[in-house]
Amino acid sequence: MSDIDLAEGAVNVNAAIIAADLGLRPDGVLGALRDGRLTAVCEKGVDQHSGQWRLTFYHEGRRLQLIVDQSGRVLERSAARRRLRRRPSGDPRQTRSS
């Protein structure tokens, strides 16, 4: 298997490809998927993006996005930490009333 395999409607990604950007060890990726700490979204391109896939992985405030072609070659890669928005002081959504 290559690092990313898009065969027969299934997407298989080598754990080492996503682990470092998400703060995981490769041997911890499968467990994180199983227990829901790591989630993934796979989107198939249409129109001008036909033949491409967008694979997005989320783990503990981190996001990794890969754009790959049909052969599994990574065309684009971006990793980011999600920012938590702070509410201004006095915002009624900041506290709950009983």
Protein backbone atom coordinates (compact mmCIF):
# COMPACT_ATOMS: atom_id res chain seq x y z
CA MET A 1 0.00 0.00 0.00
CA SER A 2 1.17 3.53 -0.74
CA ASP A 3 0.89 6.17 1.99
CA ILE A 4 -2.65 7.06 0.81
CA ASP A 5 -4.78 4.50 -1.03
CA LEU A 6 -8.14 5.40 -2.61
CA ALA A 7 -9.31 2.06 -3.93
CA GLU A 8 -12.76 0.50 -4.19
CA GLY A 9 -14.54 3.32 -2.35
CA ALA A 10 -12.33 3.08 0.72
CA VAL A 11 -9.72 5.56 1.89
CA ASN A 12 -6.66 4.20 3.70
CA VAL A 13 -4.06 6.59 5.08
CA ASN A 14 -0.77 5.54 6.65
CA ALA A 15 -0.92 6.67 10.29
CA ALA A 16 2.52 8.31 10.06
CA ILE A 17 1.13 10.75 7.46
CA ILE A 18 -1.28 12.31 9.95
CA ALA A 19 0.16 11.56 13.40
CA ALA A 20 2.80 14.26 13.83
CA ASP A 21 0.59 17.15 12.69
CA LEU A 22 -2.11 16.09 15.15
CA GLY A 23 0.14 15.52 18.17
CA LEU A 24 -0.20 11.73 18.06
CA ARG A 25 2.15 8.81 17.74
CA PRO A 26 1.51 6.63 14.67
CA ASP A 27 0.66 3.66 16.91
CA GLY A 28 -1.98 5.76 18.70
CA VAL A 29 -3.94 6.85 15.61
CA LEU A 30 -6.20 3.81 15.34
CA GLY A 31 -7.09 3.90 19.03
CA ALA A 32 -7.89 7.62 18.83
CA LEU A 33 -10.20 6.92 15.88
CA ARG A 34 -11.92 4.09 17.71
CA ASP A 35 -12.63 6.11 20.85
CA GLY A 36 -13.68 9.24 18.95
CA ARG A 37 -10.81 11.56 19.93
CA LEU A 38 -9.71 11.63 16.28
CA THR A 39 -12.33 12.25 13.63
CA ALA A 40 -12.05 12.40 9.87
CA VAL A 41 -14.03 13.78 6.95
CA CYS A 42 -13.51 12.63 3.38
CA GLU A 43 -14.89 14.68 0.48
CA LYS A 44 -14.76 13.75 -3.19
CA GLY A 45 -14.13 16.63 -5.58
CA VAL A 46 -16.62 17.56 -8.29
CA ASP A 47 -16.49 19.73 -11.41
CA GLN A 48 -13.06 21.44 -11.59
CA HIS A 49 -11.91 19.35 -8.58
CA SER A 50 -12.97 16.04 -10.11
CA GLY A 51 -10.34 13.39 -9.46
CA GLN A 52 -9.31 15.00 -6.15
CA TRP A 53 -10.21 14.23 -2.56
CA ARG A 54 -10.11 16.44 0.54
CA LEU A 55 -9.22 14.49 3.69
CA THR A 56 -9.62 16.42 6.94
CA PHE A 57 -8.60 15.09 10.36
CA TYR A 58 -9.44 16.66 13.74
CA HIS A 59 -7.82 15.90 17.07
CA GLU A 60 -7.83 17.93 20.31
CA GLY A 61 -8.05 21.37 18.73
CA ARG A 62 -5.84 20.52 15.77
CA ARG A 63 -6.81 20.12 12.13
CA LEU A 64 -4.92 18.50 9.27
CA GLN A 65 -6.22 18.84 5.74
CA LEU A 66 -4.85 16.94 2.74
CA ILE A 67 -5.87 17.42 -0.88
CA VAL A 68 -4.92 14.30 -2.83
CA ASP A 69 -5.30 13.07 -6.38
CA GLN A 70 -6.72 9.70 -7.45
CA SER A 71 -3.33 8.04 -7.12
CA GLY A 72 -3.06 9.19 -3.48
CA ARG A 73 -0.40 11.83 -4.16
CA VAL A 74 -0.68 14.80 -1.78
CA LEU A 75 -1.27 17.99 -3.77
CA GLU A 76 -1.80 20.31 -0.79
CA ARG A 77 -1.29 19.95 2.94
CA SER A 78 -2.27 22.34 5.71
CA ALA A 79 -2.20 21.95 9.47
CA ALA A 80 -3.54 24.37 12.05
CA ARG A 81 -4.55 24.69 15.67
CA ARG A 82 -8.14 25.72 16.18
CA ARG A 83 -8.53 29.01 17.98
CA LEU A 84 -11.02 29.20 20.80
CA ARG A 85 -13.07 32.36 20.62
CA ARG A 86 -13.33 34.34 23.83
CA ARG A 87 -16.54 36.10 24.57
CA PRO A 88 -16.36 39.74 25.71
CA SER A 89 -16.86 40.29 29.43
CA GLY A 90 -20.50 40.94 30.21
CA ASP A 91 -21.66 38.75 27.30
CA PRO A 92 -24.83 37.02 28.57
CA ARG A 93 -23.76 33.78 26.86
CA GLN A 94 -20.70 33.67 29.09
CA THR A 95 -22.60 32.64 32.23
CA ARG A 96 -25.63 30.50 32.84
CA SER A 97 -28.52 31.52 35.00
CA SER A 98 -30.19 28.99 37.27
